Amino acid sequence: MTAKKKETGFISHLTELRQRLINSFIFLAVLFVVCYYFSEYIYGFLVEPYANAVKDDNVDRRLIFTALQETFLTYLKVSFFAAFFVTSPYILIQIWKFIAPGLYTHEKKAIMPYLVITPVLFLLGGMLVYYLIMPLAFKFFLSFESAGLGTSLPIQLEAKVNEYLSLVMKLIFAFGLSFQLPVVLSLLARIGVVNSTYLRERRKYFVVIIFAAAAILTPPDPITQIGLAIPLLILYELSIFSVNIIEKKAQERNAQY
């Protein structure tokens, strides 16, 4: 192949990549507009765990904002969050269409499951924090309210709209990304960076790393930290199992040749 043909092929690949990025951006922008139209409903969905946590405490609850633009910017942030969440599978499909022509058949079969399991794991992480961890965490935080019997000054939560939704979106992303642990370890196993023996022998170190990561990614409370660390420990054990399967299949494939 001449240098000119190589250059032409490289430019065509860059052109295709640019077009796929543009398509992804357009799809994201369209969904952003749609999500902004329904931003109040998305906001209500994200606020529901807090509303359920405080509905029976006989206190007149509300979310406040202290800047004129705060609620508007919050709706923009919520809309982009929802649009990106929905667009992610489409972006993965565009990436797959770009790299698939250069892969062998067995490589395509190896990568395809990861394209399916990645958004599924992210969704499971988001559902876990939304339906289980956040209600427990809110109950924990609200337990520090005080009637102020000693000082006549009660301590009561007046949550800001922006701060609350930032916390919720941060937790959903933290759990969703953390749930990609089996995908990351399986990919590392396929390229020979780690193996099941390595993961078993260094389990105690990974336990420390998991709890440290949970402490960094979540607020400084035991509910969310433990709520993230325990599923990650389970996923780590499942990763060892999946890596072991990958090794056995590789051995069988090598034995055939």
C-alpha atoms as a PDB file:
ATOM      1  CA  MET A   1       0.000   0.000   0.000  1.00  0.00           C
ATOM      2  CA  THR A   2       1.439   3.383  -1.009  1.00  0.00           C
ATOM      3  CA  ALA A   3       1.817   6.310   1.361  1.00  0.00           C
ATOM      4  CA  LYS A   4      -0.902   8.177  -0.546  1.00  0.00           C
ATOM      5  CA  LYS A   5      -3.405   5.342  -0.074  1.00  0.00           C
ATOM      6  CA  LYS A   6      -2.563   5.130   3.631  1.00  0.00           C
ATOM      7  CA  GLU A   7      -3.123   8.862   3.992  1.00  0.00           C
ATOM      8  CA  THR A   8      -6.430   8.635   2.123  1.00  0.00           C
ATOM      9  CA  GLY A   9      -7.589   5.766   4.333  1.00  0.00           C
ATOM     10  CA  PHE A  10      -6.620   7.663   7.473  1.00  0.00           C
ATOM     11  CA  ILE A  11      -8.485  10.770   6.344  1.00  0.00           C
ATOM     12  CA  SER A  12     -11.584   8.718   5.503  1.00  0.00           C
ATOM     13  CA  HIS A  13     -11.511   7.197   8.988  1.00  0.00           C
ATOM     14  CA  LEU A  14     -11.250  10.653  10.541  1.00  0.00           C
ATOM     15  CA  THR A  15     -14.141  11.826   8.388  1.00  0.00           C
ATOM     16  CA  GLU A  16     -16.277   8.889   9.480  1.00  0.00           C
ATOM     17  CA  LEU A  17     -15.371   9.478  13.149  1.00  0.00           C
ATOM     18  CA  ARG A  18     -16.262  13.165  12.839  1.00  0.00           C
ATOM     19  CA  GLN A  19     -19.607  12.327  11.256  1.00  0.00           C
ATOM     20  CA  ARG A  20     -20.460   9.843  13.983  1.00  0.00           C
ATOM     21  CA  LEU A  21     -19.518  12.384  16.665  1.00  0.00           C
ATOM     22  CA  ILE A  22     -21.703  14.978  14.951  1.00  0.00           C
ATOM     23  CA  ASN A  23     -24.604  12.507  14.787  1.00  0.00           C
ATOM     24  CA  SER A  24     -24.200  11.770  18.497  1.00  0.00           C
ATOM     25  CA  PHE A  25     -24.096  15.468  19.335  1.00  0.00           C
ATOM     26  CA  ILE A  26     -27.219  16.174  17.255  1.00  0.00           C
ATOM     27  CA  PHE A  27     -29.070  13.287  18.907  1.00  0.00           C
ATOM     28  CA  LEU A  28     -27.984  14.588  22.330  1.00  0.00           C
ATOM     29  CA  ALA A  29     -29.070  18.146  21.470  1.00  0.00           C
ATOM     30  CA  VAL A  30     -32.510  17.003  20.252  1.00  0.00           C
ATOM     31  CA  LEU A  31     -33.040  14.906  23.361  1.00  0.00           C
ATOM     32  CA  PHE A  32     -31.881  17.816  25.517  1.00  0.00           C
ATOM     33  CA  VAL A  33     -34.638  20.004  24.055  1.00  0.00           C
ATOM     34  CA  VAL A  34     -37.200  17.239  24.606  1.00  0.00           C
ATOM     35  CA  CYS A  35     -35.998  16.650  28.165  1.00  0.00           C
ATOM     36  CA  TYR A  36     -36.115  20.378  28.923  1.00  0.00           C
ATOM     37  CA  TYR A  37     -39.763  20.401  27.844  1.00  0.00           C
ATOM     38  CA  PHE A  38     -40.391  17.630  30.398  1.00  0.00           C
ATOM     39  CA  SER A  39     -37.834  18.951  32.920  1.00  0.00           C
ATOM     40  CA  GLU A  40     -40.453  19.552  35.585  1.00  0.00           C
ATOM     41  CA  TYR A  41     -41.516  15.906  35.440  1.00  0.00           C
ATOM     42  CA  ILE A  42     -37.879  14.739  35.521  1.00  0.00           C
ATOM     43  CA  TYR A  43     -37.315  17.038  38.487  1.00  0.00           C
ATOM     44  CA  GLY A  44     -40.331  15.499  40.227  1.00  0.00           C
ATOM     45  CA  PHE A  45     -38.958  12.018  39.598  1.00  0.00           C
ATOM     46  CA  LEU A  46     -35.573  12.905  41.124  1.00  0.00           C
ATOM     47  CA  VAL A  47     -37.194  14.615  44.119  1.00  0.00           C
ATOM     48  CA  GLU A  48     -39.524  11.687  44.862  1.00  0.00           C
ATOM     49  CA  PRO A  49     -37.096   9.792  47.190  1.00  0.00           C
ATOM     50  CA  TYR A  50     -36.785  12.873  49.377  1.00  0.00           C
ATOM     51  CA  ALA A  51     -40.540  13.515  49.263  1.00  0.00           C
ATOM     52  CA  ASN A  52     -41.248   9.921  50.347  1.00  0.00           C
ATOM     53  CA  ALA A  53     -38.691  10.170  53.148  1.00  0.00           C
ATOM     54  CA  VAL A  54     -40.345  13.249  54.698  1.00  0.00           C
ATOM     55  CA  LYS A  55     -44.036  12.721  53.918  1.00  0.00           C
ATOM     56  CA  ASP A  56     -44.895  11.259  57.351  1.00  0.00           C
ATOM     57  CA  ASP A  57     -42.852  13.516  59.667  1.00  0.00           C
ATOM     58  CA  ASN A  58     -45.612  16.165  60.097  1.00  0.00           C
ATOM     59  CA  VAL A  59     -43.315  19.008  59.037  1.00  0.00           C
ATOM     60  CA  ASP A  60     -44.068  21.451  56.244  1.00  0.00           C
ATOM     61  CA  ARG A  61     -41.235  20.583  53.864  1.00  0.00           C
ATOM     62  CA  ARG A  62     -40.043  22.480  50.814  1.00  0.00           C
ATOM     63  CA  LEU A  63     -37.051  22.923  48.553  1.00  0.00           C
ATOM     64  CA  ILE A  64     -35.717  26.463  48.296  1.00  0.00           C
ATOM     65  CA  PHE A  65     -33.517  28.442  45.920  1.00  0.00           C
ATOM     66  CA  THR A  66     -31.473  31.487  46.929  1.00  0.00           C
ATOM     67  CA  ALA A  67     -30.516  32.896  43.518  1.00  0.00           C
ATOM     68  CA  LEU A  68     -32.829  34.094  40.772  1.00  0.00           C
ATOM     69  CA  GLN A  69     -31.227  31.880  38.133  1.00  0.00           C
ATOM     70  CA  GLU A  70     -30.798  28.809  40.341  1.00  0.00           C
ATOM     71  CA  THR A  71     -33.986  26.966  39.394  1.00  0.00           C
ATOM     72  CA  PHE A  72     -33.520  27.713  35.685  1.00  0.00           C
ATOM     73  CA  LEU A  73     -29.938  26.405  35.744  1.00  0.00           C
ATOM     74  CA  THR A  74     -31.070  23.390  37.725  1.00  0.00           C
ATOM     75  CA  TYR A  75     -33.653  22.533  35.060  1.00  0.00           C
ATOM     76  CA  LEU A  76     -30.929  22.840  32.417  1.00  0.00           C
ATOM     77  CA  LYS A  77     -28.681  20.518  34.424  1.00  0.00           C
ATOM     78  CA  VAL A  78     -31.480  17.997  34.960  1.00  0.00           C
ATOM     79  CA  SER A  79     -32.358  18.078  31.252  1.00  0.00           C
ATOM     80  CA  PHE A  80     -28.764  17.459  30.191  1.00  0.00           C
ATOM     81  CA  PHE A  81     -28.437  14.671  32.772  1.00  0.00           C
ATOM     82  CA  ALA A  82     -31.523  12.891  31.439  1.00  0.00           C
ATOM     83  CA  ALA A  83     -30.556  13.481  27.793  1.00  0.00           C
ATOM     84  CA  PHE A  84     -27.051  12.118  28.296  1.00  0.00           C
ATOM     85  CA  PHE A  85     -28.428   9.115  30.175  1.00  0.00           C
ATOM     86  CA  VAL A  86     -30.751   8.257  27.273  1.00  0.00           C
ATOM     87  CA  THR A  87     -28.149   9.067  24.606  1.00  0.00           C
ATOM     88  CA  SER A  88     -25.415   6.853  26.064  1.00  0.00           C
ATOM     89  CA  PRO A  89     -26.586   3.626  24.319  1.00  0.00           C
ATOM     90  CA  TYR A  90     -26.732   5.502  21.004  1.00  0.00           C
ATOM     91  CA  ILE A  91     -23.171   6.771  21.527  1.00  0.00           C
ATOM     92  CA  LEU A  92     -22.025   3.213  22.251  1.00  0.00           C
ATOM     93  CA  ILE A  93     -23.697   2.047  19.021  1.00  0.00           C
ATOM     94  CA  GLN A  94     -21.883   4.757  17.047  1.00  0.00           C
ATOM     95  CA  ILE A  95     -18.563   3.708  18.589  1.00  0.00           C
ATOM     96  CA  TRP A  96     -19.321   0.087  17.726  1.00  0.00           C
ATOM     97  CA  LYS A  97     -20.175   0.918  14.103  1.00  0.00           C
ATOM     98  CA  PHE A  98     -16.891   2.809  13.811  1.00  0.00           C
ATOM     99  CA  ILE A  99     -14.622   0.067  15.166  1.00  0.00           C
ATOM    100  CA  ALA A 100     -16.542  -3.037  13.993  1.00  0.00           C
ATOM    101  CA  PRO A 101     -15.320  -3.024  10.343  1.00  0.00           C
ATOM    102  CA  GLY A 102     -11.723  -3.363  11.546  1.00  0.00           C
ATOM    103  CA  LEU A 103     -12.387  -6.341  13.822  1.00  0.00           C
ATOM    104  CA  TYR A 104     -12.288 -10.066  13.136  1.00  0.00           C
ATOM    105  CA  THR A 105     -15.421 -12.132  13.686  1.00  0.00           C
ATOM    106  CA  HIS A 106     -14.229 -13.586  17.000  1.00  0.00           C
ATOM    107  CA  GLU A 107     -13.275 -10.088  18.203  1.00  0.00           C
ATOM    108  CA  LYS A 108     -16.756  -8.824  17.387  1.00  0.00           C
ATOM    109  CA  LYS A 109     -18.292 -11.705  19.336  1.00  0.00           C
ATOM    110  CA  ALA A 110     -16.016 -10.904  22.287  1.00  0.00           C
ATOM    111  CA  ILE A 111     -16.866  -7.181  22.391  1.00  0.00           C
ATOM    112  CA  MET A 112     -20.599  -7.345  21.662  1.00  0.00           C
ATOM    113  CA  PRO A 113     -21.608  -8.559  25.179  1.00  0.00           C
ATOM    114  CA  TYR A 114     -19.844  -5.563  26.742  1.00  0.00           C
ATOM    115  CA  LEU A 115     -21.878  -3.134  24.640  1.00  0.00           C
ATOM    116  CA  VAL A 116     -25.019  -4.715  26.074  1.00  0.00           C
ATOM    117  CA  ILE A 117     -23.921  -5.188  29.673  1.00  0.00           C
ATOM    118  CA  THR A 118     -22.401  -1.698  30.102  1.00  0.00           C
ATOM    119  CA  PRO A 119     -25.690   0.298  29.992  1.00  0.00           C
ATOM    120  CA  VAL A 120     -27.479  -2.494  31.880  1.00  0.00           C
ATOM    121  CA  LEU A 121     -24.978  -2.303  34.762  1.00  0.00           C
ATOM    122  CA  PHE A 122     -25.181   1.494  34.774  1.00  0.00           C
ATOM    123  CA  LEU A 123     -28.975   1.284  34.972  1.00  0.00           C
ATOM    124  CA  LEU A 124     -28.783  -1.264  37.815  1.00  0.00           C
ATOM    125  CA  GLY A 125     -26.424   1.014  39.744  1.00  0.00           C
ATOM    126  CA  GLY A 126     -28.750   3.974  39.268  1.00  0.00           C
ATOM    127  CA  MET A 127     -31.780   1.946  40.342  1.00  0.00           C
ATOM    128  CA  LEU A 128     -29.993   0.693  43.455  1.00  0.00           C
ATOM    129  CA  VAL A 129     -29.102   4.168  44.663  1.00  0.00           C
ATOM    130  CA  TYR A 130     -32.487   5.656  43.700  1.00  0.00           C
ATOM    131  CA  TYR A 131     -34.789   3.037  45.209  1.00  0.00           C
ATOM    132  CA  LEU A 132     -32.731   1.785  48.168  1.00  0.00           C
ATOM    133  CA  ILE A 133     -29.695   3.856  49.137  1.00  0.00           C
ATOM    134  CA  MET A 134     -31.107   7.387  48.836  1.00  0.00           C
ATOM    135  CA  PRO A 135     -34.234   6.775  50.975  1.00  0.00           C
ATOM    136  CA  LEU A 136     -32.055   5.257  53.709  1.00  0.00           C
ATOM    137  CA  ALA A 137     -29.517   8.081  53.441  1.00  0.00           C
ATOM    138  CA  PHE A 138     -32.220  10.764  53.656  1.00  0.00           C
ATOM    139  CA  LYS A 139     -33.667   9.150  56.761  1.00  0.00           C
ATOM    140  CA  PHE A 140     -30.164   9.129  58.260  1.00  0.00           C
ATOM    141  CA  PHE A 141     -29.531  12.818  57.483  1.00  0.00           C
ATOM    142  CA  LEU A 142     -32.969  13.884  58.730  1.00  0.00           C
ATOM    143  CA  SER A 143     -32.376  12.088  62.039  1.00  0.00           C
ATOM    144  CA  PHE A 144     -30.022  14.931  63.007  1.00  0.00           C
ATOM    145  CA  GLU A 145     -32.820  17.480  63.046  1.00  0.00           C
ATOM    146  CA  SER A 146     -33.601  18.879  66.482  1.00  0.00           C
ATOM    147  CA  ALA A 147     -36.652  20.481  68.047  1.00  0.00           C
ATOM    148  CA  GLY A 148     -34.377  22.898  69.915  1.00  0.00           C
ATOM    149  CA  LEU A 149     -35.778  22.207  73.359  1.00  0.00           C
ATOM    150  CA  GLY A 150     -32.618  23.459  75.059  1.00  0.00           C
ATOM    151  CA  THR A 151     -32.095  26.619  72.990  1.00  0.00           C
ATOM    152  CA  SER A 152     -35.578  27.296  71.548  1.00  0.00           C
ATOM    153  CA  LEU A 153     -33.907  27.274  68.118  1.00  0.00           C
ATOM    154  CA  PRO A 154     -34.875  24.155  66.172  1.00  0.00           C
ATOM    155  CA  ILE A 155     -32.540  22.601  63.634  1.00  0.00           C
ATOM    156  CA  GLN A 156     -34.533  21.881  60.491  1.00  0.00           C
ATOM    157  CA  LEU A 157     -33.488  21.039  56.958  1.00  0.00           C
ATOM    158  CA  GLU A 158     -34.136  23.667  54.296  1.00  0.00           C
ATOM    159  CA  ALA A 159     -32.727  21.881  51.260  1.00  0.00           C
ATOM    160  CA  LYS A 160     -31.678  23.927  48.232  1.00  0.00           C
ATOM    161  CA  VAL A 161     -32.929  22.781  44.852  1.00  0.00           C
ATOM    162  CA  ASN A 162     -29.513  22.944  43.192  1.00  0.00           C
ATOM    163  CA  GLU A 163     -27.625  21.228  46.020  1.00  0.00           C
ATOM    164  CA  TYR A 164     -30.182  18.444  46.363  1.00  0.00           C
ATOM    165  CA  LEU A 165     -30.322  17.596  42.668  1.00  0.00           C
ATOM    166  CA  SER A 166     -26.532  17.852  42.342  1.00  0.00           C
ATOM    167  CA  LEU A 167     -26.225  15.303  45.143  1.00  0.00           C
ATOM    168  CA  VAL A 168     -28.766  12.970  43.536  1.00  0.00           C
ATOM    169  CA  MET A 169     -27.141  13.125  40.088  1.00  0.00           C
ATOM    170  CA  LYS A 170     -23.683  12.674  41.604  1.00  0.00           C
ATOM    171  CA  LEU A 171     -24.842   9.545  43.442  1.00  0.00           C
ATOM    172  CA  ILE A 172     -26.515   8.078  40.341  1.00  0.00           C
ATOM    173  CA  PHE A 173     -23.392   8.629  38.242  1.00  0.00           C
ATOM    174  CA  ALA A 174     -21.116   7.333  41.016  1.00  0.00           C
ATOM    175  CA  PHE A 175     -23.085   4.108  41.396  1.00  0.00           C
ATOM    176  CA  GLY A 176     -23.578   3.695  37.648  1.00  0.00           C
ATOM    177  CA  LEU A 177     -19.888   4.107  36.868  1.00  0.00           C
ATOM    178  CA  SER A 178     -18.797   1.958  39.802  1.00  0.00           C
ATOM    179  CA  PHE A 179     -20.996  -0.857  38.543  1.00  0.00           C
ATOM    180  CA  GLN A 180     -18.762  -1.032  35.453  1.00  0.00           C
ATOM    181  CA  LEU A 181     -16.155  -2.874  37.554  1.00  0.00           C
ATOM    182  CA  PRO A 182     -16.869  -6.325  36.005  1.00  0.00           C
ATOM    183  CA  VAL A 183     -16.604  -4.837  32.517  1.00  0.00           C
ATOM    184  CA  VAL A 184     -13.248  -3.203  33.271  1.00  0.00           C
ATOM    185  CA  LEU A 185     -11.747  -6.285  34.905  1.00  0.00           C
ATOM    186  CA  SER A 186     -13.014  -8.588  32.153  1.00  0.00           C
ATOM    187  CA  LEU A 187     -11.491  -6.366  29.467  1.00  0.00           C
ATOM    188  CA  LEU A 188      -8.197  -6.251  31.372  1.00  0.00           C
ATOM    189  CA  ALA A 189      -8.280 -10.040  31.560  1.00  0.00           C
ATOM    190  CA  ARG A 190      -8.825 -10.333  27.798  1.00  0.00           C
ATOM    191  CA  ILE A 191      -5.713  -8.278  27.044  1.00  0.00           C
ATOM    192  CA  GLY A 192      -3.665 -10.176  29.636  1.00  0.00           C
ATOM    193  CA  VAL A 193      -3.230  -7.470  32.267  1.00  0.00           C
ATOM    194  CA  VAL A 194      -4.930  -9.449  35.060  1.00  0.00           C
ATOM    195  CA  ASN A 195      -6.069 -13.034  35.636  1.00  0.00           C
ATOM    196  CA  SER A 196      -8.280 -14.820  38.145  1.00  0.00           C
ATOM    197  CA  THR A 197      -5.313 -15.903  40.275  1.00  0.00           C
ATOM    198  CA  TYR A 198      -4.090 -12.307  40.497  1.00  0.00           C
ATOM    199  CA  LEU A 199      -7.542 -11.086  41.551  1.00  0.00           C
ATOM    200  CA  ARG A 200      -7.915 -13.800  44.206  1.00  0.00           C
ATOM    201  CA  GLU A 201      -4.487 -13.277  45.730  1.00  0.00           C
ATOM    202  CA  ARG A 202      -4.946  -9.498  45.938  1.00  0.00           C
ATOM    203  CA  ARG A 203      -8.527  -9.548  47.134  1.00  0.00           C
ATOM    204  CA  LYS A 204      -7.669  -7.863  50.459  1.00  0.00           C
ATOM    205  CA  TYR A 205      -6.028  -4.934  48.657  1.00  0.00           C
ATOM    206  CA  PHE A 206      -9.023  -4.498  46.390  1.00  0.00           C
ATOM    207  CA  VAL A 207     -11.324  -4.490  49.417  1.00  0.00           C
ATOM    208  CA  VAL A 208      -9.397  -1.516  50.818  1.00  0.00           C
ATOM    209  CA  ILE A 209      -9.456   0.217  47.415  1.00  0.00           C
ATOM    210  CA  ILE A 210     -13.211  -0.345  47.074  1.00  0.00           C
ATOM    211  CA  PHE A 211     -13.992   1.159  50.482  1.00  0.00           C
ATOM    212  CA  ALA A 212     -11.648   4.086  49.773  1.00  0.00           C
ATOM    213  CA  ALA A 213     -13.357   4.694  46.414  1.00  0.00           C
ATOM    214  CA  ALA A 214     -16.780   4.497  48.075  1.00  0.00           C
ATOM    215  CA  ALA A 215     -15.675   7.096  50.620  1.00  0.00           C
ATOM    216  CA  ILE A 216     -14.492   9.434  47.851  1.00  0.00           C
ATOM    217  CA  LEU A 217     -17.444   9.027  45.484  1.00  0.00           C
ATOM    218  CA  THR A 218     -20.210   9.357  48.079  1.00  0.00           C
ATOM    219  CA  PRO A 219     -21.121  11.870  50.815  1.00  0.00           C
ATOM    220  CA  PRO A 220     -19.428  11.406  54.205  1.00  0.00           C
ATOM    221  CA  ASP A 221     -22.083   9.155  55.702  1.00  0.00           C
ATOM    222  CA  PRO A 222     -21.985   5.413  56.404  1.00  0.00           C
ATOM    223  CA  ILE A 223     -25.233   4.618  54.560  1.00  0.00           C
ATOM    224  CA  THR A 224     -24.135   5.590  51.050  1.00  0.00           C
ATOM    225  CA  GLN A 225     -20.527   4.478  51.565  1.00  0.00           C
ATOM    226  CA  ILE A 226     -21.497   0.993  52.719  1.00  0.00           C
ATOM    227  CA  GLY A 227     -24.332   0.938  50.176  1.00  0.00           C
ATOM    228  CA  LEU A 228     -21.772   1.399  47.396  1.00  0.00           C
ATOM    229  CA  ALA A 229     -18.969  -0.721  48.848  1.00  0.00           C
ATOM    230  CA  ILE A 230     -21.012  -3.902  49.427  1.00  0.00           C
ATOM    231  CA  PRO A 231     -22.347  -4.152  45.833  1.00  0.00           C
ATOM    232  CA  LEU A 232     -18.836  -3.468  44.532  1.00  0.00           C
ATOM    233  CA  LEU A 233     -17.471  -6.314  46.647  1.00  0.00           C
ATOM    234  CA  ILE A 234     -20.135  -8.611  45.188  1.00  0.00           C
ATOM    235  CA  LEU A 235     -19.324  -7.397  41.681  1.00  0.00           C
ATOM    236  CA  TYR A 236     -15.628  -7.988  42.343  1.00  0.00           C
ATOM    237  CA  GLU A 237     -16.323 -11.611  43.219  1.00  0.00           C
ATOM    238  CA  LEU A 238     -18.485 -11.957  40.109  1.00  0.00           C
ATOM    239  CA  SER A 239     -15.618 -10.437  38.112  1.00  0.00           C
ATOM    240  CA  ILE A 240     -13.284 -13.180  39.338  1.00  0.00           C
ATOM    241  CA  PHE A 241     -15.830 -15.734  38.168  1.00  0.00           C
ATOM    242  CA  SER A 242     -16.188 -14.087  34.732  1.00  0.00           C
ATOM    243  CA  VAL A 243     -12.407 -13.759  34.325  1.00  0.00           C
ATOM    244  CA  ASN A 244     -12.073 -17.457  35.121  1.00  0.00           C
ATOM    245  CA  ILE A 245     -14.577 -18.265  32.355  1.00  0.00           C
ATOM    246  CA  ILE A 246     -12.639 -16.066  29.918  1.00  0.00           C
ATOM    247  CA  GLU A 247      -9.429 -17.936  30.771  1.00  0.00           C
ATOM    248  CA  LYS A 248     -11.045 -21.334  30.231  1.00  0.00           C
ATOM    249  CA  LYS A 249     -12.422 -20.286  26.841  1.00  0.00           C
ATOM    250  CA  ALA A 250      -8.998 -18.947  25.839  1.00  0.00           C
ATOM    251  CA  GLN A 251      -7.383 -22.239  26.840  1.00  0.00           C
ATOM    252  CA  GLU A 252      -9.947 -24.226  24.831  1.00  0.00           C
ATOM    253  CA  ARG A 253      -9.389 -21.975  21.813  1.00  0.00           C
ATOM    254  CA  ASN A 254      -5.611 -22.389  22.059  1.00  0.00           C
ATOM    255  CA  ALA A 255      -5.969 -26.172  22.397  1.00  0.00           C
ATOM    256  CA  GLN A 256      -7.909 -26.293  19.120  1.00  0.00           C
ATOM    257  CA  TYR A 257      -5.010 -24.659  17.332  1.00  0.00           C
END
